[in-house]
Amino acid sequence: MELCNGYTELTDVAEQRRRFNADLEIRRNMGKPLPTLDENFLGALESGMPACSGVALGLDRLFMLAMNKKEIKDVILFPSPIA
């Protein structure tokens, strides 16, 4: 049973900046407010942030475990047909 998924963080400053700008373009096209780029974060990447990773724990998965459910759709408030 998977309760958490692990992932590595993106530490390439050029790629992260490209992704931030791509997200801003999507928001611009949708007429949504544009947040400012987090230059402090990008600066930390540029100065050599070491490789790191994270873990994402979903409450839905904890609920599945606690309620002894086999399907995630059984614990999601608004399940989709493909969940």
Protein backbone atom coordinates (compact mmCIF):
# COMPACT_ATOMS: atom_id res chain seq x y z
CA MET A 1 0.00 0.00 0.00
CA GLU A 2 1.39 3.39 -0.93
CA LEU A 3 0.72 6.04 1.70
CA CYS A 4 3.28 8.58 0.51
CA ASN A 5 5.01 9.23 -2.75
CA GLY A 6 8.61 10.34 -2.82
CA TYR A 7 10.09 12.72 -5.34
CA THR A 8 13.26 14.63 -6.00
CA GLU A 9 13.21 18.41 -6.01
CA LEU A 10 13.98 20.35 -9.14
CA THR A 11 17.23 22.19 -8.42
CA ASP A 12 18.10 23.41 -11.93
CA VAL A 13 17.54 27.19 -11.77
CA ALA A 14 17.13 27.64 -15.54
CA GLU A 15 14.51 24.89 -15.76
CA GLN A 16 12.67 26.14 -12.68
CA ARG A 17 12.58 29.69 -14.06
CA ARG A 18 11.29 28.35 -17.40
CA ARG A 19 8.50 26.46 -15.61
CA PHE A 20 7.56 29.47 -13.50
CA ASN A 21 7.37 31.63 -16.62
CA ALA A 22 5.32 28.99 -18.46
CA ASP A 23 2.87 28.94 -15.54
CA LEU A 24 2.65 32.73 -15.64
CA GLU A 25 1.87 32.61 -19.36
CA ILE A 26 -0.95 30.14 -18.75
CA ARG A 27 -2.36 32.39 -16.02
CA ARG A 28 -2.01 35.45 -18.29
CA ASN A 29 -3.96 33.68 -21.04
CA MET A 30 -6.68 32.76 -18.56
CA GLY A 31 -6.93 36.34 -17.27
CA LYS A 32 -5.84 35.33 -13.77
CA PRO A 33 -3.69 37.44 -11.43
CA LEU A 34 0.03 37.03 -11.96
CA PRO A 35 2.12 36.33 -8.87
CA THR A 36 5.68 37.62 -8.81
CA LEU A 37 8.50 35.15 -9.30
CA ASP A 38 10.11 33.99 -6.07
CA GLU A 39 13.55 35.45 -6.76
CA ASN A 40 14.83 34.44 -3.32
CA PHE A 41 14.07 30.81 -4.11
CA LEU A 42 15.60 31.09 -7.58
CA GLY A 43 18.65 32.76 -6.03
CA ALA A 44 19.04 29.86 -3.61
CA LEU A 45 18.94 27.43 -6.53
CA GLU A 46 21.47 29.50 -8.42
CA SER A 47 23.89 29.59 -5.51
CA GLY A 48 24.01 25.80 -5.44
CA MET A 49 21.16 24.22 -3.57
CA PRO A 50 22.14 20.59 -2.96
CA ALA A 51 20.13 17.67 -4.26
CA CYS A 52 17.14 17.03 -2.03
CA SER A 53 13.88 15.16 -1.96
CA GLY A 54 10.46 15.29 -0.40
CA VAL A 55 7.50 13.16 0.53
CA ALA A 56 3.84 13.94 -0.09
CA LEU A 57 1.40 12.32 2.32
CA GLY A 58 -2.21 12.33 1.15
CA LEU A 59 -4.93 12.45 3.78
CA ASP A 60 -7.11 10.46 1.39
CA ARG A 61 -4.68 7.56 1.71
CA LEU A 62 -4.67 7.82 5.49
CA PHE A 63 -8.47 7.75 5.44
CA MET A 64 -8.36 4.65 3.24
CA LEU A 65 -6.15 2.94 5.78
CA ALA A 66 -8.20 4.05 8.79
CA MET A 67 -11.51 3.06 7.17
CA ASN A 68 -10.17 -0.18 5.66
CA LYS A 69 -11.15 0.89 2.12
CA LYS A 70 -9.61 -0.59 -1.03
CA GLU A 71 -10.68 2.19 -3.43
CA ILE A 72 -9.66 5.83 -3.08
CA LYS A 73 -13.04 6.89 -4.49
CA ASP A 74 -14.61 5.55 -1.28
CA VAL A 75 -12.97 8.30 0.79
CA ILE A 76 -13.00 11.25 -1.61
CA LEU A 77 -15.85 13.71 -1.02
CA PHE A 78 -16.41 14.38 -4.73
CA PRO A 79 -15.00 11.38 -6.62
CA SER A 80 -14.63 11.57 -10.38
CA PRO A 81 -15.63 8.69 -12.63
CA ILE A 82 -11.94 7.97 -13.31
CA ALA A 83 -10.75 8.04 -9.66
